[in-house]
């Protein structure tokens, strides 16, 4: 990847897919422990009851970025 392409952008669905894959590999309780979040909070995120918070995203090596584009783009 060249520097001109910028950072990799993930959709919320892609973040959730990463979490679901990690749960499949590690188990939900172990993954929650590794990420430093409660098991129930991880479950709520994976099942769409709440968005991933800053602590969970940081533990995944991610951060939330909001962008805006012109309508005519």
PDB file of N, CA and C in Angstrom:
ATOM      1  N   UNK A   1       0.847  -1.178   0.000  1.00  0.00           N
ATOM      2  CA  UNK A   1       0.000   0.000   0.000  1.00  0.00           C
ATOM      3  C   UNK A   1       0.885   1.231   0.000  1.00  0.00           C
ATOM      4  N   UNK A   2       0.616   2.166  -0.885  1.00  0.00           N
ATOM      5  CA  UNK A   2       1.398   3.392  -0.932  1.00  0.00           C
ATOM      6  C   UNK A   2       0.851   4.401   0.064  1.00  0.00           C
ATOM      7  N   UNK A   3       1.674   5.411   0.359  1.00  0.00           N
ATOM      8  CA  UNK A   3       1.253   6.443   1.303  1.00  0.00           C
ATOM      9  C   UNK A   3       0.075   7.251   0.786  1.00  0.00           C
ATOM     10  N   UNK A   4      -0.121   7.293  -0.541  1.00  0.00           N
ATOM     11  CA  UNK A   4      -1.200   8.071  -1.129  1.00  0.00           C
ATOM     12  C   UNK A   4      -2.582   7.488  -0.844  1.00  0.00           C
ATOM     13  N   UNK A   5      -2.642   6.221  -0.515  1.00  0.00           N
ATOM     14  CA  UNK A   5      -3.929   5.574  -0.295  1.00  0.00           C
ATOM     15  C   UNK A   5      -4.536   5.908   1.055  1.00  0.00           C
ATOM     16  N   UNK A   6      -3.771   6.355   1.994  1.00  0.00           N
ATOM     17  CA  UNK A   6      -4.280   6.708   3.307  1.00  0.00           C
ATOM     18  C   UNK A   6      -4.528   5.491   4.175  1.00  0.00           C
ATOM     19  N   UNK A   7      -5.097   5.711   5.350  1.00  0.00           N
ATOM     20  CA  UNK A   7      -5.331   4.602   6.286  1.00  0.00           C
ATOM     21  C   UNK A   7      -6.440   3.669   5.801  1.00  0.00           C
ATOM     22  N   UNK A   8      -6.413   2.480   6.303  1.00  0.00           N
ATOM     23  CA  UNK A   8      -7.472   1.505   6.015  1.00  0.00           C
ATOM     24  C   UNK A   8      -8.730   1.952   6.757  1.00  0.00           C
ATOM     25  N   UNK A   9      -9.850   1.959   6.078  1.00  0.00           N
ATOM     26  CA  UNK A   9     -11.134   2.330   6.684  1.00  0.00           C
ATOM     27  C   UNK A   9     -11.989   1.078   6.798  1.00  0.00           C
ATOM     28  N   UNK A  10     -12.588   0.887   7.946  1.00  0.00           N
ATOM     29  CA  UNK A  10     -13.469  -0.259   8.178  1.00  0.00           C
ATOM     30  C   UNK A  10     -14.878   0.235   8.436  1.00  0.00           C
ATOM     31  N   UNK A  11     -15.846  -0.500   7.955  1.00  0.00           N
ATOM     32  CA  UNK A  11     -17.234  -0.217   8.304  1.00  0.00           C
ATOM     33  C   UNK A  11     -17.532  -0.848   9.660  1.00  0.00           C
ATOM     34  N   UNK A  12     -18.641  -0.464  10.246  1.00  0.00           N
ATOM     35  CA  UNK A  12     -19.054  -1.083  11.503  1.00  0.00           C
ATOM     36  C   UNK A  12     -19.222  -2.587  11.315  1.00  0.00           C
ATOM     37  N   UNK A  13     -19.800  -2.997  10.193  1.00  0.00           N
ATOM     38  CA  UNK A  13     -19.974  -4.427   9.931  1.00  0.00           C
ATOM     39  C   UNK A  13     -18.633  -5.161   9.889  1.00  0.00           C
ATOM     40  N   UNK A  14     -17.613  -4.527   9.323  1.00  0.00           N
ATOM     41  CA  UNK A  14     -16.287  -5.158   9.270  1.00  0.00           C
ATOM     42  C   UNK A  14     -15.666  -5.273  10.658  1.00  0.00           C
ATOM     43  N   UNK A  15     -15.890  -4.262  11.496  1.00  0.00           N
ATOM     44  CA  UNK A  15     -15.407  -4.333  12.886  1.00  0.00           C
ATOM     45  C   UNK A  15     -16.109  -5.478  13.606  1.00  0.00           C
ATOM     46  N   UNK A  16     -17.424  -5.588  13.424  1.00  0.00           N
ATOM     47  CA  UNK A  16     -18.183  -6.662  14.068  1.00  0.00           C
ATOM     48  C   UNK A  16     -17.761  -8.027  13.535  1.00  0.00           C
ATOM     49  N   UNK A  17     -17.472  -8.118  12.236  1.00  0.00           N
ATOM     50  CA  UNK A  17     -16.974  -9.384  11.673  1.00  0.00           C
ATOM     51  C   UNK A  17     -15.668  -9.792  12.324  1.00  0.00           C
ATOM     52  N   UNK A  18     -14.790  -8.837  12.569  1.00  0.00           N
ATOM     53  CA  UNK A  18     -13.522  -9.140  13.252  1.00  0.00           C
ATOM     54  C   UNK A  18     -13.782  -9.661  14.660  1.00  0.00           C
ATOM     55  N   UNK A  19     -14.710  -9.021  15.354  1.00  0.00           N
ATOM     56  CA  UNK A  19     -15.047  -9.481  16.706  1.00  0.00           C
ATOM     57  C   UNK A  19     -15.630 -10.893  16.677  1.00  0.00           C
ATOM     58  N   UNK A  20     -16.549 -11.131  15.749  1.00  0.00           N
ATOM     59  CA  UNK A  20     -17.179 -12.458  15.666  1.00  0.00           C
ATOM     60  C   UNK A  20     -16.152 -13.536  15.345  1.00  0.00           C
ATOM     61  N   UNK A  21     -15.217 -13.237  14.466  1.00  0.00           N
ATOM     62  CA  UNK A  21     -14.170 -14.203  14.141  1.00  0.00           C
ATOM     63  C   UNK A  21     -13.310 -14.475  15.374  1.00  0.00           C
ATOM     64  N   UNK A  22     -12.941 -13.423  16.099  1.00  0.00           N
ATOM     65  CA  UNK A  22     -12.124 -13.598  17.305  1.00  0.00           C
ATOM     66  C   UNK A  22     -12.871 -14.398  18.364  1.00  0.00           C
ATOM     67  N   UNK A  23     -14.176 -14.196  18.457  1.00  0.00           N
ATOM     68  CA  UNK A  23     -14.981 -14.975  19.404  1.00  0.00           C
ATOM     69  C   UNK A  23     -14.983 -16.441  18.989  1.00  0.00           C
ATOM     70  N   UNK A  24     -15.106 -16.690  17.688  1.00  0.00           N
ATOM     71  CA  UNK A  24     -15.094 -18.070  17.191  1.00  0.00           C
ATOM     72  C   UNK A  24     -13.773 -18.759  17.532  1.00  0.00           C
ATOM     73  N   UNK A  25     -12.678 -18.033  17.415  1.00  0.00           N
ATOM     74  CA  UNK A  25     -11.350 -18.600  17.666  1.00  0.00           C
ATOM     75  C   UNK A  25     -11.053 -18.728  19.160  1.00  0.00           C
ATOM     76  N   UNK A  26     -11.390 -17.686  19.938  1.00  0.00           N
ATOM     77  CA  UNK A  26     -10.981 -17.607  21.347  1.00  0.00           C
ATOM     78  C   UNK A  26     -12.070 -17.923  22.363  1.00  0.00           C
ATOM     79  N   UNK A  27     -13.337 -17.826  21.940  1.00  0.00           N
ATOM     80  CA  UNK A  27     -14.437 -17.906  22.895  1.00  0.00           C
ATOM     81  C   UNK A  27     -14.743 -16.508  23.412  1.00  0.00           C
ATOM     82  N   UNK A  28     -15.998 -16.249  23.662  1.00  0.00           N
ATOM     83  CA  UNK A  28     -16.414 -14.901  24.049  1.00  0.00           C
ATOM     84  C   UNK A  28     -15.848 -14.459  25.389  1.00  0.00           C
ATOM     85  N   UNK A  29     -15.887 -15.312  26.390  1.00  0.00           N
ATOM     86  CA  UNK A  29     -15.395 -14.927  27.716  1.00  0.00           C
ATOM     87  C   UNK A  29     -13.899 -14.629  27.676  1.00  0.00           C
ATOM     88  N   UNK A  30     -13.134 -15.466  26.982  1.00  0.00           N
ATOM     89  CA  UNK A  30     -11.688 -15.235  26.887  1.00  0.00           C
ATOM     90  C   UNK A  30     -11.381 -13.963  26.112  1.00  0.00           C
ATOM     91  N   UNK A  31     -12.120 -13.724  25.021  1.00  0.00           N
ATOM     92  CA  UNK A  31     -11.883 -12.515  24.242  1.00  0.00           C
ATOM     93  C   UNK A  31     -12.219 -11.276  25.063  1.00  0.00           C
ATOM     94  N   UNK A  32     -13.329 -11.303  25.773  1.00  0.00           N
ATOM     95  CA  UNK A  32     -13.704 -10.165  26.615  1.00  0.00           C
ATOM     96  C   UNK A  32     -12.599  -9.889  27.636  1.00  0.00           C
ATOM     97  N   UNK A  33     -12.078 -10.921  28.237  1.00  0.00           N
ATOM     98  CA  UNK A  33     -10.994 -10.774  29.215  1.00  0.00           C
ATOM     99  C   UNK A  33      -9.766 -10.163  28.541  1.00  0.00           C
ATOM    100  N   UNK A  34      -9.392 -10.664  27.360  1.00  0.00           N
ATOM    101  CA  UNK A  34      -8.218 -10.153  26.648  1.00  0.00           C
ATOM    102  C   UNK A  34      -8.387  -8.689  26.254  1.00  0.00           C
ATOM    103  N   UNK A  35      -9.615  -8.300  25.894  1.00  0.00           N
ATOM    104  CA  UNK A  35      -9.879  -6.929  25.482  1.00  0.00           C
ATOM    105  C   UNK A  35     -10.140  -5.998  26.665  1.00  0.00           C
ATOM    106  N   UNK A  36     -10.306  -6.563  27.842  1.00  0.00           N
ATOM    107  CA  UNK A  36     -10.534  -5.748  29.033  1.00  0.00           C
ATOM    108  C   UNK A  36     -11.939  -5.196  29.140  1.00  0.00           C
ATOM    109  N   UNK A  37     -12.905  -5.947  28.605  1.00  0.00           N
ATOM    110  CA  UNK A  37     -14.302  -5.525  28.695  1.00  0.00           C
ATOM    111  C   UNK A  37     -15.126  -6.645  29.329  1.00  0.00           C
ATOM    112  N   UNK A  38     -16.309  -6.279  29.797  1.00  0.00           N
ATOM    113  CA  UNK A  38     -17.191  -7.300  30.367  1.00  0.00           C
ATOM    114  C   UNK A  38     -17.755  -8.177  29.257  1.00  0.00           C
ATOM    115  N   UNK A  39     -17.957  -9.436  29.575  1.00  0.00           N
ATOM    116  CA  UNK A  39     -18.524 -10.399  28.630  1.00  0.00           C
ATOM    117  C   UNK A  39     -19.867  -9.909  28.091  1.00  0.00           C
ATOM    118  N   UNK A  40     -20.726  -9.380  28.950  1.00  0.00           N
ATOM    119  CA  UNK A  40     -22.043  -8.897  28.523  1.00  0.00           C
ATOM    120  C   UNK A  40     -21.920  -7.704  27.590  1.00  0.00           C
ATOM    121  N   UNK A  41     -20.968  -6.810  27.862  1.00  0.00           N
ATOM    122  CA  UNK A  41     -20.771  -5.648  26.990  1.00  0.00           C
ATOM    123  C   UNK A  41     -20.327  -6.098  25.598  1.00  0.00           C
ATOM    124  N   UNK A  42     -19.440  -7.081  25.538  1.00  0.00           N
ATOM    125  CA  UNK A  42     -18.999  -7.622  24.252  1.00  0.00           C
ATOM    126  C   UNK A  42     -20.181  -8.255  23.514  1.00  0.00           C
ATOM    127  N   UNK A  43     -20.998  -8.988  24.231  1.00  0.00           N
ATOM    128  CA  UNK A  43     -22.183  -9.598  23.642  1.00  0.00           C
ATOM    129  C   UNK A  43     -23.126  -8.540  23.089  1.00  0.00           C
ATOM    130  N   UNK A  44     -23.341  -7.466  23.836  1.00  0.00           N
ATOM    131  CA  UNK A  44     -24.221  -6.387  23.387  1.00  0.00           C
ATOM    132  C   UNK A  44     -23.713  -5.763  22.086  1.00  0.00           C
ATOM    133  N   UNK A  45     -22.413  -5.580  21.979  1.00  0.00           N
ATOM    134  CA  UNK A  45     -21.831  -5.004  20.766  1.00  0.00           C
ATOM    135  C   UNK A  45     -22.009  -5.957  19.593  1.00  0.00           C
ATOM    136  N   UNK A  46     -21.664  -7.214  19.791  1.00  0.00           N
ATOM    137  CA  UNK A  46     -21.720  -8.198  18.704  1.00  0.00           C
ATOM    138  C   UNK A  46     -23.147  -8.397  18.205  1.00  0.00           C
ATOM    139  N   UNK A  47     -24.130  -8.268  19.091  1.00  0.00           N
ATOM    140  CA  UNK A  47     -25.528  -8.464  18.713  1.00  0.00           C
ATOM    141  C   UNK A  47     -26.237  -7.155  18.344  1.00  0.00           C
ATOM    142  N   UNK A  48     -25.478  -6.068  18.203  1.00  0.00           N
ATOM    143  CA  UNK A  48     -26.040  -4.812  17.728  1.00  0.00           C
ATOM    144  C   UNK A  48     -26.866  -4.034  18.727  1.00  0.00           C
ATOM    145  N   UNK A  49     -26.759  -4.381  20.004  1.00  0.00           N
ATOM    146  CA  UNK A  49     -27.529  -3.658  21.022  1.00  0.00           C
ATOM    147  C   UNK A  49     -26.837  -2.372  21.457  1.00  0.00           C
ATOM    148  N   UNK A  50     -25.549  -2.247  21.152  1.00  0.00           N
ATOM    149  CA  UNK A  50     -24.794  -1.029  21.444  1.00  0.00           C
ATOM    150  C   UNK A  50     -23.593  -0.971  20.519  1.00  0.00           C
ATOM    151  N   UNK A  51     -23.117   0.226  20.227  1.00  0.00           N
ATOM    152  CA  UNK A  51     -21.937   0.341  19.367  1.00  0.00           C
ATOM    153  C   UNK A  51     -20.663   0.050  20.180  1.00  0.00           C
ATOM    154  N   UNK A  52     -19.601  -0.318  19.500  1.00  0.00           N
ATOM    155  CA  UNK A  52     -18.343  -0.517  20.230  1.00  0.00           C
ATOM    156  C   UNK A  52     -17.853   0.817  20.777  1.00  0.00           C
ATOM    157  N   UNK A  53     -17.489   0.831  22.048  1.00  0.00           N
ATOM    158  CA  UNK A  53     -17.014   2.054  22.686  1.00  0.00           C
ATOM    159  C   UNK A  53     -15.522   2.260  22.483  1.00  0.00           C
ATOM    160  N   UNK A  54     -15.023   3.403  22.931  1.00  0.00           N
ATOM    161  CA  UNK A  54     -13.618   3.740  22.740  1.00  0.00           C
ATOM    162  C   UNK A  54     -12.657   2.724  23.356  1.00  0.00           C
ATOM    163  N   UNK A  55     -12.984   2.189  24.522  1.00  0.00           N
ATOM    164  CA  UNK A  55     -12.100   1.225  25.185  1.00  0.00           C
ATOM    165  C   UNK A  55     -11.990  -0.069  24.367  1.00  0.00           C
ATOM    166  N   UNK A  56     -13.119  -0.559  23.880  1.00  0.00           N
ATOM    167  CA  UNK A  56     -13.117  -1.781  23.074  1.00  0.00           C
ATOM    168  C   UNK A  56     -12.372  -1.547  21.761  1.00  0.00           C
ATOM    169  N   UNK A  57     -12.660  -0.427  21.112  1.00  0.00           N
ATOM    170  CA  UNK A  57     -11.986  -0.121  19.853  1.00  0.00           C
ATOM    171  C   UNK A  57     -10.478  -0.004  20.053  1.00  0.00           C
ATOM    172  N   UNK A  58     -10.066   0.680  21.114  1.00  0.00           N
ATOM    173  CA  UNK A  58      -8.636   0.832  21.387  1.00  0.00           C
ATOM    174  C   UNK A  58      -7.979  -0.522  21.628  1.00  0.00           C
ATOM    175  N   UNK A  59      -8.680  -1.416  22.323  1.00  0.00           N
ATOM    176  CA  UNK A  59      -8.139  -2.756  22.576  1.00  0.00           C
ATOM    177  C   UNK A  59      -7.992  -3.542  21.276  1.00  0.00           C
ATOM    178  N   UNK A  60      -8.800  -3.194  20.275  1.00  0.00           N
ATOM    179  CA  UNK A  60      -8.713  -3.834  18.955  1.00  0.00           C
ATOM    180  C   UNK A  60      -7.723  -3.116  18.041  1.00  0.00           C
ATOM    181  N   UNK A  61      -7.110  -2.048  18.550  1.00  0.00           N
ATOM    182  CA  UNK A  61      -6.188  -1.269  17.740  1.00  0.00           C
ATOM    183  C   UNK A  61      -6.897  -0.364  16.759  1.00  0.00           C
ATOM    184  N   UNK A  62      -8.116   0.042  17.103  1.00  0.00           N
ATOM    185  CA  UNK A  62      -8.938   0.871  16.229  1.00  0.00           C
ATOM    186  C   UNK A  62      -9.395   2.125  16.958  1.00  0.00           C
ATOM    187  N   UNK A  63      -9.878   3.078  16.188  1.00  0.00           N
ATOM    188  CA  UNK A  63     -10.539   4.258  16.743  1.00  0.00           C
ATOM    189  C   UNK A  63     -11.670   4.636  15.799  1.00  0.00           C
ATOM    190  N   UNK A  64     -12.686   5.279  16.330  1.00  0.00           N
ATOM    191  CA  UNK A  64     -13.812   5.719  15.517  1.00  0.00           C
ATOM    192  C   UNK A  64     -13.467   7.060  14.886  1.00  0.00           C
ATOM    193  N   UNK A  65     -13.703   7.164  13.571  1.00  0.00           N
ATOM    194  CA  UNK A  65     -13.450   8.401  12.840  1.00  0.00           C
ATOM    195  C   UNK A  65     -14.711   8.722  12.046  1.00  0.00           C
ATOM    196  N   UNK A  66     -15.204   9.933  12.183  1.00  0.00           N
ATOM    197  CA  UNK A  66     -16.379  10.372  11.440  1.00  0.00           C
ATOM    198  C   UNK A  66     -15.899  11.279  10.319  1.00  0.00           C
ATOM    199  N   UNK A  67     -16.398  11.053   9.111  1.00  0.00           N
ATOM    200  CA  UNK A  67     -16.023  11.900   7.986  1.00  0.00           C
ATOM    201  C   UNK A  67     -17.264  12.484   7.323  1.00  0.00           C
ATOM    202  N   UNK A  68     -17.064  13.567   6.637  1.00  0.00           N
ATOM    203  CA  UNK A  68     -18.137  14.218   5.911  1.00  0.00           C
ATOM    204  C   UNK A  68     -17.655  14.457   4.472  1.00  0.00           C
ATOM    205  N   UNK A  69     -18.571  14.360   3.516  1.00  0.00           N
ATOM    206  CA  UNK A  69     -18.245  14.575   2.116  1.00  0.00           C
ATOM    207  C   UNK A  69     -19.247  15.548   1.509  1.00  0.00           C
ATOM    208  N   UNK A  70     -18.838  16.287   0.496  1.00  0.00           N
ATOM    209  CA  UNK A  70     -19.778  17.161  -0.185  1.00  0.00           C
ATOM    210  C   UNK A  70     -20.873  16.342  -0.883  1.00  0.00           C
ATOM    211  N   UNK A  71     -22.048  16.881  -0.991  1.00  0.00           N
ATOM    212  CA  UNK A  71     -23.168  16.189  -1.640  1.00  0.00           C
ATOM    213  C   UNK A  71     -22.858  15.893  -3.100  1.00  0.00           C
ATOM    214  N   UNK A  72     -22.165  16.781  -3.758  1.00  0.00           N
ATOM    215  CA  UNK A  72     -21.861  16.621  -5.181  1.00  0.00           C
ATOM    216  C   UNK A  72     -20.663  15.734  -5.442  1.00  0.00           C
ATOM    217  N   UNK A  73     -20.144  15.068  -4.450  1.00  0.00           N
ATOM    218  CA  UNK A  73     -18.935  14.245  -4.639  1.00  0.00           C
ATOM    219  C   UNK A  73     -19.211  13.008  -5.446  1.00  0.00           C
TER     220      UNK A  73
END
